[in-house]
Amino acid sequence: MPSKIRGGLCPLRRHRLFGKDLRGPRVFRTKTWQGRDSRQVWTKPKIPIEHRFHMTPEKDGCPFDCGLCPGHGQHTCTAVLEVTQNCNFHCAFCFAGSGSHQRFTDPSLDRIRSLLASVYAVSPGCNLQISGGEPTLRKDLPHIVAAARKTGFEFIQLNTNGYLPAMDAGLLASLKNEGLSSVFLQFDGVNDTVYQALRGRPLWEMKQRAVLSCIEQGIGVILVPTLVPGINVDQIGPVLLFALDHAPGVRGVHFQPVSHFGRHPGPPKDQDRITIPEILAEMESQTQNKFRRRDFRPSSCEHALCSFNGKFLILEDGTLSPLMALGANCCTPVPAEQGAKQAKASVARQWGPPVTIQDSHPPGAKDGLDRFIQRSRTHMFSVSGMAFQDAWNLDLERLKGCCIHSVAPDGRLIPFCAYNLTGENHAGLYRKP
């Protein structure tokens, strides 16, 4: 049976989340977890951070005081900085609601430098993702990467649809030269039927060029499918196999089950959602057990119900050796501070450029352990996923454990799901035009 949550917010909160004047009780049910994997077994308790900072006071309660408020229980592991709201696509699903049908004024480079300094002051060890809109539309993008590096950020990732990087190898070379570590590439499947449905145009050939361009420039590339039931759930296995065929240049796959905020066709039904256990089951089935659900576990950083991840060593014969499993999870609470530190280091190491080692010795000249250790540095592969929340399935406990924070235009750090939250009228709680 699917796990569901009931909605019953106070009238003020219902009005602010859904954009309607909803008098009296409103009860609804929404699918949050479905499959044979138990939520109780999956859940990993965490001890909230001790040394908290805040940029906004607690006033109206979660999720209305983000910034972060004193009630937030986790550090910033990844700061998402949107450098433009403009985009050269107009996708059916878009977190930011961006598109080519309107034009926005971009923040200046000086303003971006100020925001970078503000984030670094409160989260000096966090990873940075440059996002949008479509950030490659900015002609000064290499200068933005250089500014981030100068500020002190060591891991810098670009979130892109890949269109311009596929067409302009010089752009990627410039970004690499200024310190770009990784490309977070929109990658929904391996045929044009999928892209026509989700992105409104055939893109399969372009996506392949984007992947090869990143590999040629020595930039780590992560394939990022948005999973929409009825459109591309059957692409889970093909995307994984494509990624393995292009490893270790492709560092891994990061699945994003569709969330209904930003731009989306309408209020979601249960059949419009896919949950973490369902993704793991599809992964196992579609790859003929090459990836098995027991090879995955929740993150040590964000709330356990938010994500899954697995790490694999690609052996010399092409088979996979899983390096983590659900059995490694336990009921002992983990300090959130420790989990955040581990997650930041793991992402930077696994999603960054592949390591190359010059080895002058023939394979037989080293014993098995030496060869295993060396290969573990050069042929690691990650598979992960993040289940974002929308107004229908928002869990405040999960939100308070969030470590992926959007940088608001005024410099506040707001949990990603809260920042992108929109109601039935598509109005944002925090994101403003």
Protein backbone atom coordinates (compact mmCIF):
# COMPACT_ATOMS: atom_id res chain seq x y z
CA MET A 1 0.00 0.00 0.00
CA PRO A 2 1.26 3.49 -0.75
CA SER A 3 2.21 5.73 2.14
CA LYS A 4 0.28 8.98 2.07
CA ILE A 5 0.09 12.18 4.04
CA ARG A 6 -3.04 14.11 4.90
CA GLY A 7 -3.18 17.85 4.40
CA GLY A 8 -4.85 20.02 7.03
CA LEU A 9 -3.09 23.38 7.33
CA CYS A 10 -4.57 26.33 9.20
CA PRO A 11 -6.59 28.74 6.95
CA LEU A 12 -3.75 31.28 6.72
CA ARG A 13 -1.23 28.67 5.68
CA ARG A 14 -3.62 27.01 3.23
CA HIS A 15 -4.27 30.38 1.62
CA ARG A 16 -0.57 31.24 1.36
CA LEU A 17 0.45 27.86 -0.02
CA PHE A 18 -2.38 27.23 -2.46
CA GLY A 19 -3.24 30.81 -3.42
CA LYS A 20 -6.92 30.47 -2.54
CA ASP A 21 -9.16 31.58 0.30
CA LEU A 22 -9.91 28.16 1.75
CA ARG A 23 -12.32 28.43 4.66
CA GLY A 24 -12.93 25.47 6.91
CA PRO A 25 -11.06 22.16 6.82
CA ARG A 26 -9.53 20.89 3.63
CA VAL A 27 -8.34 17.30 3.73
CA PHE A 28 -6.46 15.70 0.88
CA ARG A 29 -4.22 12.68 0.38
CA THR A 30 -1.09 12.40 -1.73
CA LYS A 31 1.33 9.59 -2.49
CA THR A 32 4.74 9.97 -0.83
CA TRP A 33 6.21 6.44 -0.65
CA GLN A 34 5.16 3.31 -2.52
CA GLY A 35 6.89 -0.03 -2.83
CA ARG A 36 8.10 -2.94 -0.79
CA ASP A 37 10.91 -0.94 0.85
CA SER A 38 9.81 0.16 4.33
CA ARG A 39 10.06 3.82 5.27
CA GLN A 40 10.99 2.75 8.79
CA VAL A 41 13.96 0.71 7.57
CA TRP A 42 15.02 3.46 5.18
CA THR A 43 14.82 6.34 7.65
CA LYS A 44 18.06 7.38 9.29
CA PRO A 45 17.66 9.75 12.26
CA LYS A 46 19.92 12.80 12.52
CA ILE A 47 20.95 15.11 15.33
CA PRO A 48 20.38 18.73 14.20
CA ILE A 49 23.38 21.04 13.95
CA GLU A 50 24.45 22.68 17.20
CA HIS A 51 25.90 25.95 15.98
CA ARG A 52 23.11 27.55 14.02
CA PHE A 53 23.13 30.87 12.22
CA HIS A 54 20.08 32.71 11.03
CA MET A 55 19.33 35.55 8.66
CA THR A 56 15.61 35.78 9.45
CA PRO A 57 13.70 35.44 12.76
CA GLU A 58 11.02 32.85 13.49
CA LYS A 59 7.69 34.63 13.14
CA ASP A 60 4.99 32.84 11.13
CA GLY A 61 6.48 29.34 11.41
CA CYS A 62 7.83 26.94 8.83
CA PRO A 63 7.87 27.29 5.81
CA PHE A 64 7.31 31.06 5.94
CA ASP A 65 10.45 32.25 7.78
CA CYS A 66 13.18 30.84 5.55
CA GLY A 67 16.37 32.72 5.21
CA LEU A 68 17.60 30.55 7.15
CA CYS A 69 15.66 30.83 10.40
CA PRO A 70 16.94 29.55 13.79
CA GLY A 71 14.76 26.45 13.48
CA HIS A 72 16.65 25.04 10.51
CA GLY A 73 18.58 21.88 11.36
CA GLN A 74 21.27 21.55 8.68
CA HIS A 75 24.13 23.52 7.14
CA THR A 76 24.32 24.51 3.47
CA CYS A 77 25.99 21.70 1.55
CA THR A 78 25.20 23.12 -1.89
CA ALA A 79 24.25 26.72 -2.60
CA VAL A 80 22.25 27.15 -5.81
CA LEU A 81 22.90 30.58 -7.34
CA GLU A 82 20.62 31.59 -10.21
CA VAL A 83 22.46 34.02 -12.47
CA THR A 84 19.55 34.48 -14.89
CA GLN A 85 15.84 33.78 -15.20
CA ASN A 86 16.06 33.73 -18.99
CA CYS A 87 16.09 30.45 -20.91
CA ASN A 88 16.33 29.26 -24.50
CA PHE A 89 13.86 26.42 -23.80
CA HIS A 90 10.22 26.50 -22.67
CA CYS A 91 9.81 23.11 -21.00
CA ALA A 92 6.52 21.56 -19.91
CA PHE A 93 8.03 21.12 -16.43
CA CYS A 94 10.38 23.75 -14.99
CA PHE A 95 11.34 24.39 -11.36
CA ALA A 96 12.02 28.05 -12.08
CA GLY A 97 9.16 28.61 -14.52
CA SER A 98 11.72 29.99 -16.99
CA GLY A 99 11.16 30.19 -20.71
CA SER A 100 11.88 31.96 -23.94
CA HIS A 101 8.45 33.67 -23.96
CA GLN A 102 9.58 36.55 -21.76
CA ARG A 103 12.74 38.49 -21.00
CA PHE A 104 14.18 39.25 -17.56
CA THR A 105 16.97 41.57 -16.48
CA ASP A 106 19.96 39.62 -15.21
CA PRO A 107 21.77 40.56 -11.99
CA SER A 108 25.02 42.41 -12.66
CA LEU A 109 28.40 40.77 -12.21
CA ASP A 110 29.05 43.05 -9.23
CA ARG A 111 25.78 41.94 -7.64
CA ILE A 112 26.72 38.30 -8.21
CA ARG A 113 30.10 38.91 -6.57
CA SER A 114 28.25 40.35 -3.57
CA LEU A 115 25.96 37.33 -3.34
CA LEU A 116 28.92 34.96 -3.59
CA ALA A 117 30.65 36.79 -0.74
CA SER A 118 27.47 36.65 1.35
CA VAL A 119 27.10 32.89 0.89
CA TYR A 120 30.76 32.22 1.55
CA ALA A 121 30.67 34.23 4.75
CA VAL A 122 28.09 31.91 6.34
CA SER A 123 28.93 28.64 4.50
CA PRO A 124 32.61 28.78 3.52
CA GLY A 125 32.94 25.07 2.83
CA CYS A 126 29.83 24.58 0.72
CA ASN A 127 29.69 23.53 -2.92
CA LEU A 128 28.29 25.96 -5.47
CA GLN A 129 25.90 25.28 -8.33
CA ILE A 130 25.45 28.05 -10.93
CA SER A 131 21.92 27.78 -12.24
CA GLY A 132 19.05 29.64 -13.89
CA GLY A 133 17.11 29.84 -16.20
CA GLU A 134 19.82 28.79 -18.57
CA PRO A 135 23.12 30.24 -17.26
CA THR A 136 25.02 29.70 -20.53
CA LEU A 137 22.96 32.53 -22.05
CA ARG A 138 25.15 34.94 -20.07
CA LYS A 139 28.17 35.98 -22.12
CA ASP A 140 30.06 36.76 -18.90
CA LEU A 141 29.57 33.24 -17.48
CA PRO A 142 33.35 32.53 -17.43
CA HIS A 143 33.78 35.70 -15.36
CA ILE A 144 31.12 34.45 -12.93
CA VAL A 145 32.97 31.15 -12.52
CA ALA A 146 36.22 33.06 -12.01
CA ALA A 147 34.52 35.25 -9.37
CA ALA A 148 33.27 32.17 -7.54
CA ARG A 149 36.74 30.66 -7.56
CA LYS A 150 38.28 33.92 -6.34
CA THR A 151 35.71 34.09 -3.52
CA GLY A 152 36.95 30.72 -2.31
CA PHE A 153 34.52 28.11 -3.66
CA GLU A 154 36.45 24.97 -4.56
CA PHE A 155 33.71 22.91 -6.22
CA ILE A 156 31.75 24.83 -8.86
CA GLN A 157 29.07 23.14 -10.93
CA LEU A 158 27.06 24.40 -13.91
CA ASN A 159 23.39 23.42 -14.22
CA THR A 160 22.55 23.50 -17.94
CA ASN A 161 20.29 22.10 -20.65
CA GLY A 162 23.48 21.57 -22.67
CA TYR A 163 22.40 23.35 -25.84
CA LEU A 164 25.13 26.00 -26.00
CA PRO A 165 27.88 23.78 -24.53
CA ALA A 166 27.11 21.24 -27.26
CA MET A 167 27.47 23.88 -29.95
CA ASP A 168 30.40 25.85 -28.55
CA ALA A 169 33.44 23.90 -27.38
CA GLY A 170 35.21 27.21 -26.75
CA LEU A 171 32.67 28.06 -24.04
CA LEU A 172 33.42 24.86 -22.14
CA ALA A 173 37.16 25.44 -22.51
CA SER A 174 36.81 28.94 -21.04
CA LEU A 175 34.70 27.66 -18.14
CA LYS A 176 37.17 24.87 -17.44
CA ASN A 177 40.06 27.35 -17.51
CA GLU A 178 38.32 29.57 -14.94
CA GLY A 179 37.73 26.68 -12.54
CA LEU A 180 34.50 24.89 -13.46
CA SER A 181 34.49 21.39 -11.95
CA SER A 182 31.29 19.80 -13.13
CA VAL A 183 28.29 20.02 -15.48
CA PHE A 184 24.84 19.04 -14.19
CA LEU A 185 23.27 18.14 -17.53
CA GLN A 186 19.53 17.91 -18.19
CA PHE A 187 19.22 14.43 -19.71
CA ASP A 188 15.73 12.91 -19.78
CA GLY A 189 16.25 9.89 -22.02
CA VAL A 190 17.89 8.40 -25.08
CA ASN A 191 15.33 9.19 -27.81
CA ASP A 192 13.61 12.21 -29.28
CA THR A 193 10.11 11.08 -28.26
CA VAL A 194 11.01 11.88 -24.66
CA TYR A 195 12.51 15.28 -25.45
CA GLN A 196 9.60 16.25 -27.68
CA ALA A 197 7.21 15.54 -24.82
CA LEU A 198 9.19 17.21 -22.01
CA ARG A 199 11.21 19.91 -23.80
CA GLY A 200 9.16 20.58 -26.91
CA ARG A 201 11.84 19.70 -29.47
CA PRO A 202 14.08 16.83 -30.62
CA LEU A 203 17.31 17.02 -28.60
CA TRP A 204 18.83 13.53 -28.54
CA GLU A 205 21.65 14.30 -30.96
CA MET A 206 22.47 17.54 -29.15
CA LYS A 207 22.54 15.82 -25.73
CA GLN A 208 25.10 13.31 -26.99
CA ARG A 209 27.29 16.13 -28.32
CA ALA A 210 27.07 17.94 -24.98
CA VAL A 211 28.24 14.83 -23.12
CA LEU A 212 31.18 14.29 -25.46
CA SER A 213 32.17 17.96 -25.29
CA CYS A 214 32.32 17.86 -21.49
CA ILE A 215 34.39 14.67 -21.57
CA GLU A 216 36.81 16.15 -24.13
CA GLN A 217 37.34 19.20 -21.93
CA GLY A 218 37.92 17.11 -18.81
CA ILE A 219 34.85 18.43 -17.01
CA GLY A 220 32.90 15.99 -14.84
CA VAL A 221 29.39 15.46 -16.22
CA ILE A 222 26.33 14.24 -14.31
CA LEU A 223 23.26 13.15 -16.28
CA VAL A 224 20.06 14.52 -14.70
CA PRO A 225 16.74 12.98 -15.83
CA THR A 226 13.46 14.49 -14.67
CA LEU A 227 11.25 11.42 -14.26
CA VAL A 228 7.64 11.94 -15.33
CA PRO A 229 5.30 8.91 -15.18
CA GLY A 230 3.80 8.10 -18.57
CA ILE A 231 6.64 9.85 -20.41
CA ASN A 232 10.11 8.59 -19.47
CA VAL A 233 10.10 6.21 -16.49
CA ASP A 234 11.03 3.50 -19.00
CA GLN A 235 14.24 5.46 -19.70
CA ILE A 236 15.78 4.79 -16.26
CA GLY A 237 17.70 1.73 -17.45
CA PRO A 238 18.74 3.13 -20.87
CA VAL A 239 20.08 6.33 -19.28
CA LEU A 240 22.13 4.33 -16.77
CA LEU A 241 23.58 2.12 -19.51
CA PHE A 242 24.40 5.17 -21.65
CA ALA A 243 26.18 6.72 -18.67
CA LEU A 244 28.21 3.56 -18.05
CA ASP A 245 29.19 3.45 -21.72
CA HIS A 246 30.63 6.98 -21.33
CA ALA A 247 32.23 6.51 -17.90
CA PRO A 248 34.46 7.58 -16.27
CA GLY A 249 33.94 10.90 -18.14
CA VAL A 250 30.29 10.65 -17.13
CA ARG A 251 30.61 10.60 -13.37
CA GLY A 252 27.10 9.39 -12.60
CA VAL A 253 23.34 9.84 -12.92
CA HIS A 254 21.14 11.92 -10.63
CA PHE A 255 17.40 11.22 -10.95
CA GLN A 256 14.81 13.87 -10.12
CA PRO A 257 11.26 12.49 -9.79
CA VAL A 258 8.92 15.20 -11.02
CA SER A 259 7.66 17.72 -8.46
CA HIS A 260 4.72 19.97 -9.12
CA PHE A 261 6.10 23.40 -8.51
CA GLY A 262 7.27 26.09 -10.88
CA ARG A 263 5.65 25.31 -14.25
CA HIS A 264 3.63 22.10 -14.49
CA PRO A 265 0.47 21.04 -16.31
CA GLY A 266 -1.87 20.96 -13.30
CA PRO A 267 -2.61 19.57 -9.81
CA PRO A 268 -1.00 16.13 -9.47
CA LYS A 269 -2.81 12.83 -9.12
CA ASP A 270 -1.21 9.75 -7.57
CA GLN A 271 -0.40 8.36 -11.01
CA ASP A 272 1.53 11.57 -11.76
CA ARG A 273 4.10 10.80 -9.06
CA ILE A 274 6.95 8.32 -8.74
CA THR A 275 8.55 7.70 -5.34
CA ILE A 276 12.01 6.56 -4.29
CA PRO A 277 11.12 2.84 -3.83
CA GLU A 278 9.49 2.79 -7.27
CA ILE A 279 12.60 4.30 -8.88
CA LEU A 280 14.84 1.72 -7.20
CA ALA A 281 12.56 -1.11 -8.36
CA GLU A 282 12.55 0.22 -11.94
CA MET A 283 16.32 0.56 -11.84
CA GLU A 284 16.71 -3.05 -10.79
CA SER A 285 14.25 -4.35 -13.37
CA GLN A 286 15.38 -2.25 -16.34
CA THR A 287 19.08 -3.09 -15.89
CA GLN A 288 18.52 -6.83 -15.23
CA ASN A 289 19.90 -6.44 -11.68
CA LYS A 290 23.03 -4.59 -12.75
CA PHE A 291 21.84 -2.05 -10.17
CA ARG A 292 19.91 -3.53 -7.24
CA ARG A 293 17.80 -1.71 -4.68
CA ARG A 294 19.92 -3.14 -1.86
CA ASP A 295 22.92 -1.23 -3.29
CA PHE A 296 21.41 2.12 -2.24
CA ARG A 297 20.85 3.99 0.97
CA PRO A 298 19.69 7.45 2.10
CA SER A 299 22.05 10.38 2.28
CA SER A 300 23.98 11.15 5.44
CA CYS A 301 23.21 14.84 4.93
CA GLU A 302 19.61 15.75 4.10
CA HIS A 303 16.51 14.05 5.55
CA ALA A 304 16.49 10.34 4.74
CA LEU A 305 13.16 10.50 2.86
CA CYS A 306 14.52 13.11 0.47
CA SER A 307 17.04 11.10 -1.48
CA PHE A 308 18.96 7.92 -2.28
CA ASN A 309 22.51 7.29 -3.41
CA GLY A 310 24.83 4.48 -4.36
CA LYS A 311 28.48 4.29 -5.34
CA PHE A 312 29.96 1.68 -7.64
CA LEU A 313 33.38 0.67 -8.84
CA ILE A 314 33.54 -0.17 -12.55
CA LEU A 315 35.80 -3.20 -12.70
CA GLU A 316 38.18 -3.96 -15.56
CA ASP A 317 35.73 -6.42 -17.14
CA GLY A 318 32.95 -3.81 -17.07
CA THR A 319 31.00 -5.29 -14.16
CA LEU A 320 29.99 -3.19 -11.17
CA SER A 321 31.04 -3.62 -7.56
CA PRO A 322 28.66 -1.78 -5.18
CA LEU A 323 30.43 0.04 -2.36
CA MET A 324 27.47 0.85 -0.12
CA ALA A 325 24.19 -0.78 0.79
CA LEU A 326 21.02 -0.27 2.81
CA GLY A 327 22.36 -2.80 5.29
CA ALA A 328 24.97 -0.22 6.27
CA ASN A 329 22.19 1.99 7.60
CA CYS A 330 21.34 1.78 11.29
CA CYS A 331 19.16 3.39 13.89
CA THR A 332 21.98 5.23 15.65
CA PRO A 333 21.39 8.99 15.16
CA VAL A 334 24.02 10.70 13.02
CA PRO A 335 25.11 14.29 13.80
CA ALA A 336 23.87 16.48 10.93
CA GLU A 337 27.15 18.39 11.06
CA GLN A 338 29.11 15.20 10.35
CA GLY A 339 26.76 14.21 7.52
CA ALA A 340 27.08 17.63 5.90
CA LYS A 341 30.87 17.48 5.95
CA GLN A 342 30.88 14.00 4.41
CA ALA A 343 28.34 14.93 1.73
CA LYS A 344 30.19 18.04 0.57
CA ALA A 345 33.45 16.13 0.22
CA SER A 346 31.77 13.17 -1.49
CA VAL A 347 29.97 15.31 -4.09
CA ALA A 348 33.09 17.31 -4.91
CA ARG A 349 35.14 14.15 -5.29
CA GLN A 350 32.63 12.06 -7.21
CA TRP A 351 31.06 14.72 -9.45
CA GLY A 352 34.27 16.53 -10.32
CA PRO A 353 36.63 15.76 -13.21
CA PRO A 354 37.71 12.12 -13.45
CA VAL A 355 41.12 11.37 -12.01
CA THR A 356 43.77 10.20 -14.47
CA ILE A 357 46.81 8.26 -13.31
CA GLN A 358 49.84 7.60 -15.47
CA ASP A 359 50.72 3.96 -14.88
CA SER A 360 53.83 2.64 -16.62
CA HIS A 361 53.46 -0.85 -15.16
CA PRO A 362 51.65 -3.56 -17.07
CA PRO A 363 48.45 -4.84 -15.33
CA GLY A 364 50.13 -8.07 -14.15
CA ALA A 365 52.94 -6.17 -12.41
CA LYS A 366 50.73 -5.10 -9.51
CA ASP A 367 48.86 -7.25 -7.07
CA GLY A 368 45.08 -7.26 -6.90
CA LEU A 369 44.80 -4.86 -3.97
CA ASP A 370 47.03 -2.23 -5.60
CA ARG A 371 45.07 -2.41 -8.82
CA PHE A 372 41.76 -2.22 -6.93
CA ILE A 373 42.88 0.89 -5.03
CA GLN A 374 44.12 2.57 -8.20
CA ARG A 375 40.91 1.79 -10.08
CA SER A 376 38.82 3.09 -7.18
CA ARG A 377 40.41 6.47 -7.82
CA THR A 378 39.73 6.49 -11.56
CA HIS A 379 36.55 4.49 -12.20
CA MET A 380 34.01 5.37 -9.54
CA PHE A 381 30.40 5.81 -10.66
CA SER A 382 27.52 7.28 -8.66
CA VAL A 383 23.76 6.90 -8.94
CA SER A 384 21.56 9.13 -6.84
CA GLY A 385 18.20 10.87 -6.76
CA MET A 386 16.45 13.73 -5.00
CA ALA A 387 12.70 13.74 -4.35
CA PHE A 388 11.76 17.40 -4.19
CA GLN A 389 8.55 18.47 -2.45
CA ASP A 390 5.65 20.61 -3.64
CA ALA A 391 2.67 22.23 -1.94
CA TRP A 392 0.74 18.95 -1.92
CA ASN A 393 3.36 16.79 -0.21
CA LEU A 394 5.42 19.30 1.79
CA ASP A 395 6.83 17.73 4.96
CA LEU A 396 8.15 20.38 7.35
CA GLU A 397 10.45 17.90 9.11
CA ARG A 398 12.11 17.15 5.78
CA LEU A 399 12.29 20.83 4.93
CA LYS A 400 14.09 21.66 8.18
CA GLY A 401 16.74 19.06 7.34
CA CYS A 402 17.40 20.44 3.84
CA CYS A 403 21.02 21.09 2.84
CA ILE A 404 20.40 22.30 -0.75
CA HIS A 405 19.77 26.03 -0.43
CA SER A 406 18.82 28.54 -3.10
CA VAL A 407 20.40 31.99 -2.90
CA ALA A 408 17.58 34.54 -2.93
CA PRO A 409 18.14 37.89 -4.71
CA ASP A 410 18.53 39.57 -1.30
CA GLY A 411 21.20 37.07 -0.20
CA ARG A 412 19.12 34.85 2.08
CA LEU A 413 19.63 31.08 1.90
CA ILE A 414 16.30 29.30 1.39
CA PRO A 415 15.77 25.53 1.22
CA PHE A 416 15.39 24.55 -2.43
CA CYS A 417 11.86 23.15 -2.11
CA ALA A 418 10.61 26.18 -0.19
CA TYR A 419 12.19 28.60 -2.65
CA ASN A 420 10.52 26.92 -5.63
CA LEU A 421 7.20 26.21 -3.90
CA THR A 422 4.16 27.33 -5.90
CA GLY A 423 0.45 26.99 -5.26
CA GLU A 424 -2.47 25.99 -7.46
CA ASN A 425 -2.36 29.44 -9.06
CA HIS A 426 1.37 28.95 -9.86
CA ALA A 427 2.31 31.87 -7.58
CA GLY A 428 5.55 31.38 -5.70
CA LEU A 429 5.95 31.56 -1.95
CA TYR A 430 9.50 32.93 -2.21
CA ARG A 431 10.40 33.07 -5.89
CA LYS A 432 9.18 36.34 -7.36
CA PRO A 433 9.28 37.53 -11.00
